[in-house]
Amino acid sequence: MEILQKCALVLTIIGAINWGLIGLFDFNLVSMITGGVDVIERIIYILVGIAGIINIMLLFYHYEPSK
């Protein structure tokens, strides 16, 4: 599960950086990387959305350190 959480965090960070670039410079990094291929862009956006949902679930996860 830890690997899934780390992957989700990386995807969420990529999504956040992309939104920051769009807001600041009107530059879409995902579109540039994919060469404007709509299907690949949609897949990336779907993966980032799923990663966001996984990260939301982490807010409600109660971690208890081992003694």
C-alpha atoms as a PDB file:
ATOM      1  CA  MET A   1       0.000   0.000   0.000  1.00  0.00           C
ATOM      2  CA  GLU A   2       2.889   2.364   0.692  1.00  0.00           C
ATOM      3  CA  ILE A   3       4.050   2.161  -2.938  1.00  0.00           C
ATOM      4  CA  LEU A   4       0.550   3.068  -4.158  1.00  0.00           C
ATOM      5  CA  GLN A   5       0.476   6.046  -1.805  1.00  0.00           C
ATOM      6  CA  LYS A   6       3.861   7.298  -2.995  1.00  0.00           C
ATOM      7  CA  CYS A   7       2.825   6.951  -6.646  1.00  0.00           C
ATOM      8  CA  ALA A   8      -0.396   8.812  -5.876  1.00  0.00           C
ATOM      9  CA  LEU A   9       1.560  11.567  -4.167  1.00  0.00           C
ATOM     10  CA  VAL A  10       3.910  11.939  -7.157  1.00  0.00           C
ATOM     11  CA  LEU A  11       0.971  12.144  -9.570  1.00  0.00           C
ATOM     12  CA  THR A  12      -0.760  14.696  -7.356  1.00  0.00           C
ATOM     13  CA  ILE A  13       2.389  16.820  -7.265  1.00  0.00           C
ATOM     14  CA  ILE A  14       2.678  16.632 -11.060  1.00  0.00           C
ATOM     15  CA  GLY A  15      -0.956  17.720 -11.338  1.00  0.00           C
ATOM     16  CA  ALA A  16      -0.401  20.602  -8.937  1.00  0.00           C
ATOM     17  CA  ILE A  17       2.670  21.796 -10.836  1.00  0.00           C
ATOM     18  CA  ASN A  18       0.729  21.589 -14.101  1.00  0.00           C
ATOM     19  CA  TRP A  19      -2.128  23.681 -12.667  1.00  0.00           C
ATOM     20  CA  GLY A  20       0.381  26.190 -11.333  1.00  0.00           C
ATOM     21  CA  LEU A  21       1.961  26.521 -14.771  1.00  0.00           C
ATOM     22  CA  ILE A  22      -1.451  26.913 -16.396  1.00  0.00           C
ATOM     23  CA  GLY A  23      -2.436  29.609 -13.908  1.00  0.00           C
ATOM     24  CA  LEU A  24       0.814  31.546 -14.025  1.00  0.00           C
ATOM     25  CA  PHE A  25       1.932  31.212 -17.614  1.00  0.00           C
ATOM     26  CA  ASP A  26      -1.001  29.664 -19.535  1.00  0.00           C
ATOM     27  CA  PHE A  27       1.336  26.729 -20.226  1.00  0.00           C
ATOM     28  CA  ASN A  28       0.034  23.155 -20.124  1.00  0.00           C
ATOM     29  CA  LEU A  29       2.950  20.834 -19.345  1.00  0.00           C
ATOM     30  CA  VAL A  30       0.902  17.660 -19.892  1.00  0.00           C
ATOM     31  CA  SER A  31      -0.121  18.825 -23.354  1.00  0.00           C
ATOM     32  CA  MET A  32       3.475  19.650 -24.220  1.00  0.00           C
ATOM     33  CA  ILE A  33       4.775  16.274 -22.993  1.00  0.00           C
ATOM     34  CA  THR A  34       2.110  14.283 -24.847  1.00  0.00           C
ATOM     35  CA  GLY A  35       2.382  16.337 -28.024  1.00  0.00           C
ATOM     36  CA  GLY A  36      -1.298  17.257 -27.836  1.00  0.00           C
ATOM     37  CA  VAL A  37      -2.568  13.669 -28.153  1.00  0.00           C
ATOM     38  CA  ASP A  38      -5.995  13.963 -26.509  1.00  0.00           C
ATOM     39  CA  VAL A  39      -6.336  10.308 -25.479  1.00  0.00           C
ATOM     40  CA  ILE A  40      -3.022  10.275 -23.635  1.00  0.00           C
ATOM     41  CA  GLU A  41      -3.814  13.618 -21.971  1.00  0.00           C
ATOM     42  CA  ARG A  42      -7.158  12.289 -20.756  1.00  0.00           C
ATOM     43  CA  ILE A  43      -5.509   9.180 -19.335  1.00  0.00           C
ATOM     44  CA  ILE A  44      -2.974  11.305 -17.458  1.00  0.00           C
ATOM     45  CA  TYR A  45      -5.721  13.572 -16.093  1.00  0.00           C
ATOM     46  CA  ILE A  46      -7.752  10.527 -15.003  1.00  0.00           C
ATOM     47  CA  LEU A  47      -4.700   9.075 -13.216  1.00  0.00           C
ATOM     48  CA  VAL A  48      -4.067  12.414 -11.470  1.00  0.00           C
ATOM     49  CA  GLY A  49      -7.731  12.501 -10.393  1.00  0.00           C
ATOM     50  CA  ILE A  50      -7.543   8.985  -8.978  1.00  0.00           C
ATOM     51  CA  ALA A  51      -4.329   9.932  -7.184  1.00  0.00           C
ATOM     52  CA  GLY A  52      -6.127  12.895  -5.629  1.00  0.00           C
ATOM     53  CA  ILE A  53      -8.867  10.608  -4.340  1.00  0.00           C
ATOM     54  CA  ILE A  54      -6.270   8.263  -2.842  1.00  0.00           C
ATOM     55  CA  ASN A  55      -4.622  11.227  -1.123  1.00  0.00           C
ATOM     56  CA  ILE A  56      -7.981  12.370   0.254  1.00  0.00           C
ATOM     57  CA  MET A  57      -8.437   8.923   1.787  1.00  0.00           C
ATOM     58  CA  LEU A  58      -5.050   9.321   3.486  1.00  0.00           C
ATOM     59  CA  LEU A  59      -6.465  12.282   5.421  1.00  0.00           C
ATOM     60  CA  PHE A  60      -8.784   9.899   7.230  1.00  0.00           C
ATOM     61  CA  TYR A  61      -6.235   7.128   7.753  1.00  0.00           C
ATOM     62  CA  HIS A  62      -5.099   6.937  11.366  1.00  0.00           C
ATOM     63  CA  TYR A  63      -1.483   5.909  11.597  1.00  0.00           C
ATOM     64  CA  GLU A  64      -0.336   4.463  14.868  1.00  0.00           C
ATOM     65  CA  PRO A  65       3.409   4.057  15.168  1.00  0.00           C
ATOM     66  CA  SER A  66       4.667   0.710  16.393  1.00  0.00           C
ATOM     67  CA  LYS A  67       6.186   0.612  19.845  1.00  0.00           C
END
